[in-house]
Amino acid sequence: MSEIVKRIKEFIDNEGIKVAALEKQLGMSNNSFRKSYNNGGSIGTDKLENFLRQFPHIDANWLLFGKRNEDEKSIKKATEPEESYTKKHHNNEIYKLQLEYIEKLSAEKALLEHENKILREQLEKCKK
């Protein structure tokens, strides 16, 4: 298994991020990360770059090479609040996805209500 994929999985498990949510956030197709993880594969550099952009507080040295940058670690400890940035960021992403989903459902509901109205009118015409 790619060590990078393994470390990404370790990270999302620690942060409580679901694989499906990560795939969506990174623009990956469904189950592509899971397949890479289960089959010992890797992910493309574009997805890796996107991951590092989505989670800028990740120690890239650790992600890529498995080694922590001690200077970076000490800076993070001094500047980050108790709740990790990732959880806040993840919660914001979930909130955005939920809003998008609600908007999509609202649009579908409006369309169905309109179609229902037309069908009722047609039914009334047929009854006469």
N, C-alpha and C. Protein backbone atom coordinates (compact mmCIF):
# COMPACT_ATOMS: atom_id res chain seq x y z
N MET A 1 0.85 -1.19 0.00
CA MET A 1 0.00 0.00 0.00
C MET A 1 0.89 1.23 0.00
N SER A 2 0.45 2.20 -0.76
CA SER A 2 1.16 3.47 -0.77
C SER A 2 1.17 4.04 0.65
N GLU A 3 2.33 4.41 1.10
CA GLU A 3 2.45 4.98 2.46
C GLU A 3 1.69 6.30 2.56
N ILE A 4 1.63 7.05 1.47
CA ILE A 4 0.91 8.32 1.48
C ILE A 4 -0.59 8.05 1.68
N VAL A 5 -1.12 7.10 0.93
CA VAL A 5 -2.53 6.74 1.06
C VAL A 5 -2.80 6.26 2.48
N LYS A 6 -1.89 5.48 3.02
CA LYS A 6 -2.02 4.98 4.39
C LYS A 6 -2.07 6.14 5.39
N ARG A 7 -1.20 7.14 5.21
CA ARG A 7 -1.19 8.29 6.12
C ARG A 7 -2.44 9.15 5.95
N ILE A 8 -2.94 9.28 4.72
CA ILE A 8 -4.20 10.02 4.51
C ILE A 8 -5.32 9.31 5.25
N LYS A 9 -5.37 7.99 5.14
CA LYS A 9 -6.40 7.21 5.83
C LYS A 9 -6.27 7.38 7.34
N GLU A 10 -5.06 7.35 7.84
CA GLU A 10 -4.82 7.57 9.28
C GLU A 10 -5.34 8.94 9.70
N PHE A 11 -5.04 9.95 8.88
CA PHE A 11 -5.48 11.31 9.18
C PHE A 11 -7.00 11.41 9.22
N ILE A 12 -7.68 10.90 8.18
CA ILE A 12 -9.14 11.06 8.15
C ILE A 12 -9.81 10.24 9.25
N ASP A 13 -9.22 9.09 9.58
CA ASP A 13 -9.77 8.31 10.69
C ASP A 13 -9.66 9.09 12.00
N ASN A 14 -8.51 9.70 12.22
CA ASN A 14 -8.30 10.48 13.45
C ASN A 14 -9.21 11.69 13.52
N GLU A 15 -9.53 12.26 12.37
CA GLU A 15 -10.35 13.47 12.33
C GLU A 15 -11.85 13.15 12.21
N GLY A 16 -12.18 11.88 12.02
CA GLY A 16 -13.58 11.51 11.90
C GLY A 16 -14.18 11.85 10.55
N ILE A 17 -13.35 11.93 9.53
CA ILE A 17 -13.81 12.25 8.18
C ILE A 17 -14.11 10.94 7.46
N LYS A 18 -15.29 10.84 6.89
CA LYS A 18 -15.68 9.65 6.13
C LYS A 18 -14.96 9.62 4.79
N VAL A 19 -14.64 8.42 4.32
CA VAL A 19 -13.95 8.27 3.04
C VAL A 19 -14.77 8.90 1.91
N ALA A 20 -16.07 8.67 1.91
CA ALA A 20 -16.93 9.22 0.84
C ALA A 20 -16.88 10.75 0.85
N ALA A 21 -16.87 11.36 2.04
CA ALA A 21 -16.80 12.81 2.13
C ALA A 21 -15.46 13.32 1.61
N LEU A 22 -14.39 12.60 1.93
CA LEU A 22 -13.06 12.98 1.45
C LEU A 22 -13.02 12.90 -0.07
N GLU A 23 -13.54 11.81 -0.62
CA GLU A 23 -13.54 11.64 -2.08
C GLU A 23 -14.28 12.79 -2.75
N LYS A 24 -15.42 13.14 -2.21
CA LYS A 24 -16.21 14.24 -2.78
C LYS A 24 -15.45 15.56 -2.67
N GLN A 25 -14.86 15.79 -1.51
CA GLN A 25 -14.14 17.03 -1.27
C GLN A 25 -12.93 17.17 -2.20
N LEU A 26 -12.30 16.05 -2.53
CA LEU A 26 -11.11 16.08 -3.39
C LEU A 26 -11.45 15.94 -4.87
N GLY A 27 -12.74 15.75 -5.17
CA GLY A 27 -13.14 15.59 -6.57
C GLY A 27 -12.83 14.21 -7.12
N MET A 28 -12.76 13.22 -6.24
CA MET A 28 -12.48 11.85 -6.67
C MET A 28 -13.81 11.15 -6.94
N SER A 29 -13.77 10.15 -7.80
CA SER A 29 -14.98 9.38 -8.05
C SER A 29 -15.28 8.50 -6.83
N ASN A 30 -16.53 8.05 -6.74
CA ASN A 30 -16.94 7.22 -5.60
C ASN A 30 -16.06 5.99 -5.49
N ASN A 31 -15.64 5.72 -4.29
CA ASN A 31 -14.84 4.54 -3.93
C ASN A 31 -13.43 4.52 -4.51
N SER A 32 -12.99 5.57 -5.18
CA SER A 32 -11.65 5.54 -5.76
C SER A 32 -10.57 5.54 -4.68
N PHE A 33 -10.75 6.35 -3.64
CA PHE A 33 -9.76 6.35 -2.57
C PHE A 33 -9.82 5.02 -1.82
N ARG A 34 -11.03 4.56 -1.54
CA ARG A 34 -11.20 3.29 -0.83
C ARG A 34 -10.53 2.15 -1.59
N LYS A 35 -10.69 2.13 -2.92
CA LYS A 35 -10.06 1.09 -3.73
C LYS A 35 -8.54 1.20 -3.67
N SER A 36 -8.04 2.44 -3.75
CA SER A 36 -6.58 2.63 -3.65
C SER A 36 -6.07 2.12 -2.31
N TYR A 37 -6.81 2.44 -1.27
CA TYR A 37 -6.40 2.02 0.07
C TYR A 37 -6.45 0.49 0.20
N ASN A 38 -7.55 -0.10 -0.21
CA ASN A 38 -7.73 -1.54 -0.06
C ASN A 38 -6.81 -2.36 -0.97
N ASN A 39 -6.49 -1.82 -2.15
CA ASN A 39 -5.69 -2.57 -3.13
C ASN A 39 -4.22 -2.18 -3.13
N GLY A 40 -3.82 -1.35 -2.19
CA GLY A 40 -2.41 -0.97 -2.12
C GLY A 40 -1.99 -0.01 -3.21
N GLY A 41 -2.96 0.71 -3.75
CA GLY A 41 -2.65 1.65 -4.83
C GLY A 41 -2.22 3.00 -4.32
N SER A 42 -2.21 3.94 -5.22
CA SER A 42 -1.82 5.30 -4.86
C SER A 42 -2.87 6.26 -5.40
N ILE A 43 -2.68 7.54 -5.12
CA ILE A 43 -3.57 8.54 -5.69
C ILE A 43 -2.74 9.48 -6.54
N GLY A 44 -3.39 10.13 -7.48
CA GLY A 44 -2.68 11.02 -8.39
C GLY A 44 -2.15 12.27 -7.68
N THR A 45 -1.15 12.85 -8.29
CA THR A 45 -0.55 14.05 -7.70
C THR A 45 -1.54 15.20 -7.63
N ASP A 46 -2.49 15.25 -8.59
CA ASP A 46 -3.49 16.32 -8.54
C ASP A 46 -4.37 16.18 -7.31
N LYS A 47 -4.72 14.93 -6.95
CA LYS A 47 -5.54 14.70 -5.76
C LYS A 47 -4.73 14.98 -4.49
N LEU A 48 -3.46 14.62 -4.53
CA LEU A 48 -2.58 14.88 -3.39
C LEU A 48 -2.43 16.38 -3.17
N GLU A 49 -2.22 17.12 -4.25
CA GLU A 49 -2.12 18.59 -4.14
C GLU A 49 -3.43 19.16 -3.60
N ASN A 50 -4.55 18.66 -4.09
CA ASN A 50 -5.85 19.13 -3.63
C ASN A 50 -6.03 18.82 -2.14
N PHE A 51 -5.58 17.64 -1.72
CA PHE A 51 -5.66 17.27 -0.30
C PHE A 51 -4.88 18.27 0.54
N LEU A 52 -3.68 18.59 0.12
CA LEU A 52 -2.85 19.54 0.89
C LEU A 52 -3.45 20.95 0.88
N ARG A 53 -4.15 21.30 -0.20
CA ARG A 53 -4.84 22.60 -0.23
C ARG A 53 -6.05 22.60 0.71
N GLN A 54 -6.78 21.49 0.72
CA GLN A 54 -7.97 21.38 1.56
C GLN A 54 -7.62 21.34 3.05
N PHE A 55 -6.46 20.80 3.36
CA PHE A 55 -6.01 20.67 4.75
C PHE A 55 -4.62 21.30 4.89
N PRO A 56 -4.57 22.63 4.83
CA PRO A 56 -3.26 23.31 4.79
C PRO A 56 -2.44 23.15 6.07
N HIS A 57 -3.05 22.75 7.14
CA HIS A 57 -2.31 22.58 8.39
C HIS A 57 -1.61 21.23 8.48
N ILE A 58 -1.84 20.35 7.50
CA ILE A 58 -1.19 19.04 7.49
C ILE A 58 0.30 19.24 7.25
N ASP A 59 1.09 18.53 7.99
CA ASP A 59 2.54 18.55 7.81
C ASP A 59 2.85 17.76 6.53
N ALA A 60 3.13 18.47 5.45
CA ALA A 60 3.38 17.83 4.15
C ALA A 60 4.57 16.88 4.23
N ASN A 61 5.55 17.22 5.05
CA ASN A 61 6.72 16.35 5.24
C ASN A 61 6.28 15.00 5.81
N TRP A 62 5.36 15.04 6.75
CA TRP A 62 4.83 13.79 7.33
C TRP A 62 4.02 13.03 6.28
N LEU A 63 3.16 13.75 5.57
CA LEU A 63 2.30 13.09 4.59
C LEU A 63 3.12 12.41 3.50
N LEU A 64 4.11 13.10 2.99
CA LEU A 64 4.89 12.58 1.87
C LEU A 64 5.97 11.59 2.29
N PHE A 65 6.62 11.84 3.44
CA PHE A 65 7.79 11.05 3.81
C PHE A 65 7.68 10.34 5.15
N GLY A 66 6.62 10.61 5.89
CA GLY A 66 6.44 9.96 7.18
C GLY A 66 7.26 10.57 8.29
N LYS A 67 7.87 11.72 8.03
CA LYS A 67 8.70 12.39 9.03
C LYS A 67 8.08 13.72 9.38
N ARG A 68 8.06 14.02 10.65
CA ARG A 68 7.50 15.29 11.11
C ARG A 68 8.55 16.38 11.05
N ASN A 69 8.10 17.54 10.66
CA ASN A 69 8.96 18.72 10.67
C ASN A 69 8.81 19.34 12.05
N GLU A 70 9.79 19.21 12.90
CA GLU A 70 9.70 19.65 14.29
C GLU A 70 9.44 21.15 14.40
N ASP A 71 10.06 21.95 13.54
CA ASP A 71 9.82 23.40 13.58
C ASP A 71 8.37 23.71 13.28
N GLU A 72 7.84 23.06 12.28
CA GLU A 72 6.45 23.28 11.88
C GLU A 72 5.50 22.84 12.99
N LYS A 73 5.83 21.71 13.64
CA LYS A 73 5.01 21.22 14.74
C LYS A 73 4.94 22.23 15.88
N SER A 74 6.06 22.82 16.21
CA SER A 74 6.06 23.76 17.33
C SER A 74 5.32 25.04 16.97
N ILE A 75 5.40 25.46 15.73
CA ILE A 75 4.66 26.64 15.29
C ILE A 75 3.17 26.36 15.37
N LYS A 76 2.75 25.18 14.92
CA LYS A 76 1.33 24.84 14.96
C LYS A 76 0.81 24.82 16.39
N LYS A 77 1.58 24.24 17.31
CA LYS A 77 1.14 24.18 18.69
C LYS A 77 0.94 25.57 19.25
N ALA A 78 1.79 26.49 18.88
CA ALA A 78 1.69 27.85 19.42
C ALA A 78 0.56 28.64 18.78
N THR A 79 0.18 28.31 17.56
CA THR A 79 -0.80 29.14 16.86
C THR A 79 -2.19 28.54 16.77
N GLU A 80 -2.34 27.23 16.93
CA GLU A 80 -3.66 26.62 16.77
C GLU A 80 -4.41 26.56 18.09
N PRO A 81 -5.72 26.80 18.04
CA PRO A 81 -6.54 26.65 19.24
C PRO A 81 -6.72 25.18 19.59
N GLU A 82 -7.37 24.90 20.71
CA GLU A 82 -7.57 23.52 21.17
C GLU A 82 -8.25 22.67 20.12
N GLU A 83 -9.39 23.14 19.58
CA GLU A 83 -10.08 22.36 18.55
C GLU A 83 -9.28 22.45 17.28
N SER A 84 -9.03 21.33 16.66
CA SER A 84 -8.18 21.34 15.48
C SER A 84 -8.84 22.08 14.32
N TYR A 85 -8.03 22.68 13.53
CA TYR A 85 -8.49 23.39 12.34
C TYR A 85 -9.24 22.44 11.43
N THR A 86 -8.78 21.21 11.35
CA THR A 86 -9.40 20.23 10.46
C THR A 86 -10.85 20.00 10.82
N LYS A 87 -11.13 19.83 12.10
CA LYS A 87 -12.51 19.58 12.50
C LYS A 87 -13.39 20.77 12.17
N LYS A 88 -12.89 21.99 12.40
CA LYS A 88 -13.66 23.18 12.04
C LYS A 88 -13.88 23.22 10.54
N HIS A 89 -12.80 23.00 9.79
CA HIS A 89 -12.88 23.03 8.33
C HIS A 89 -13.83 21.94 7.84
N HIS A 90 -13.70 20.76 8.43
CA HIS A 90 -14.55 19.64 8.03
C HIS A 90 -16.02 19.97 8.33
N ASN A 91 -16.28 20.55 9.50
CA ASN A 91 -17.65 20.92 9.85
C ASN A 91 -18.20 21.95 8.88
N ASN A 92 -17.36 22.92 8.48
CA ASN A 92 -17.79 23.91 7.49
C ASN A 92 -18.10 23.25 6.15
N GLU A 93 -17.27 22.30 5.76
CA GLU A 93 -17.50 21.60 4.49
C GLU A 93 -18.79 20.79 4.56
N ILE A 94 -19.02 20.13 5.68
CA ILE A 94 -20.26 19.37 5.84
C ILE A 94 -21.45 20.30 5.75
N TYR A 95 -21.35 21.45 6.43
CA TYR A 95 -22.44 22.43 6.41
C TYR A 95 -22.71 22.89 4.98
N LYS A 96 -21.66 23.19 4.22
CA LYS A 96 -21.83 23.61 2.83
C LYS A 96 -22.50 22.51 2.01
N LEU A 97 -22.05 21.28 2.21
CA LEU A 97 -22.64 20.16 1.47
C LEU A 97 -24.10 19.97 1.85
N GLN A 98 -24.41 20.14 3.13
CA GLN A 98 -25.80 20.02 3.57
C GLN A 98 -26.66 21.12 2.94
N LEU A 99 -26.14 22.34 2.89
CA LEU A 99 -26.89 23.43 2.26
C LEU A 99 -27.13 23.16 0.78
N GLU A 100 -26.10 22.68 0.09
CA GLU A 100 -26.24 22.35 -1.32
C GLU A 100 -27.30 21.26 -1.51
N TYR A 101 -27.27 20.27 -0.64
CA TYR A 101 -28.23 19.18 -0.72
C TYR A 101 -29.65 19.68 -0.47
N ILE A 102 -29.82 20.54 0.52
CA ILE A 102 -31.14 21.10 0.82
C ILE A 102 -31.64 21.93 -0.36
N GLU A 103 -30.76 22.72 -0.96
CA GLU A 103 -31.16 23.52 -2.13
C GLU A 103 -31.58 22.61 -3.28
N LYS A 104 -30.84 21.53 -3.48
CA LYS A 104 -31.16 20.58 -4.53
C LYS A 104 -32.53 19.94 -4.27
N LEU A 105 -32.75 19.53 -3.02
CA LEU A 105 -34.03 18.92 -2.67
C LEU A 105 -35.18 19.91 -2.83
N SER A 106 -34.96 21.16 -2.45
CA SER A 106 -35.99 22.19 -2.59
C SER A 106 -36.36 22.40 -4.05
N ALA A 107 -35.34 22.43 -4.91
CA ALA A 107 -35.60 22.59 -6.34
C ALA A 107 -36.37 21.38 -6.89
N GLU A 108 -35.98 20.18 -6.47
CA GLU A 108 -36.69 18.98 -6.91
C GLU A 108 -38.13 18.98 -6.41
N LYS A 109 -38.32 19.42 -5.18
CA LYS A 109 -39.66 19.48 -4.60
C LYS A 109 -40.54 20.43 -5.41
N ALA A 110 -40.01 21.61 -5.73
CA ALA A 110 -40.77 22.59 -6.50
C ALA A 110 -41.14 22.02 -7.87
N LEU A 111 -40.22 21.35 -8.49
CA LEU A 111 -40.48 20.73 -9.80
C LEU A 111 -41.57 19.67 -9.68
N LEU A 112 -41.47 18.83 -8.66
CA LEU A 112 -42.49 17.78 -8.46
C LEU A 112 -43.85 18.37 -8.16
N GLU A 113 -43.89 19.43 -7.37
CA GLU A 113 -45.16 20.09 -7.08
C GLU A 113 -45.78 20.66 -8.35
N HIS A 114 -44.94 21.25 -9.20
CA HIS A 114 -45.43 21.80 -10.47
C HIS A 114 -45.98 20.67 -11.36
N GLU A 115 -45.23 19.59 -11.47
CA GLU A 115 -45.68 18.45 -12.28
C GLU A 115 -46.96 17.85 -11.70
N ASN A 116 -47.04 17.78 -10.39
CA ASN A 116 -48.23 17.26 -9.73
C ASN A 116 -49.45 18.13 -10.06
N LYS A 117 -49.25 19.44 -10.04
CA LYS A 117 -50.34 20.38 -10.36
C LYS A 117 -50.83 20.15 -11.79
N ILE A 118 -49.92 20.01 -12.71
CA ILE A 118 -50.28 19.78 -14.12
C ILE A 118 -51.05 18.47 -14.26
N LEU A 119 -50.56 17.43 -13.58
CA LEU A 119 -51.23 16.13 -13.66
C LEU A 119 -52.63 16.19 -13.06
N ARG A 120 -52.80 16.91 -11.97
CA ARG A 120 -54.14 17.06 -11.38
C ARG A 120 -55.09 17.78 -12.33
N GLU A 121 -54.57 18.82 -12.99
CA GLU A 121 -55.39 19.56 -13.95
C GLU A 121 -55.80 18.65 -15.11
N GLN A 122 -54.85 17.85 -15.60
CA GLN A 122 -55.15 16.92 -16.68
C GLN A 122 -56.16 15.87 -16.23
N LEU A 123 -56.02 15.40 -15.01
CA LEU A 123 -56.97 14.43 -14.47
C LEU A 123 -58.38 15.01 -14.38
N GLU A 124 -58.47 16.27 -13.94
CA GLU A 124 -59.77 16.94 -13.85
C GLU A 124 -60.40 17.07 -15.23
N LYS A 125 -59.58 17.39 -16.25
CA LYS A 125 -60.09 17.49 -17.60
C LYS A 125 -60.62 16.16 -18.09
N CYS A 126 -59.91 15.09 -17.76
CA CYS A 126 -60.32 13.74 -18.17
C CYS A 126 -61.64 13.34 -17.49
N LYS A 127 -61.80 13.74 -16.25
CA LYS A 127 -63.01 13.39 -15.53
C LYS A 127 -64.24 14.08 -16.12
N LYS A 128 -64.06 15.25 -16.74
CA LYS A 128 -65.20 16.02 -17.30
C LYS A 128 -65.55 15.48 -18.61
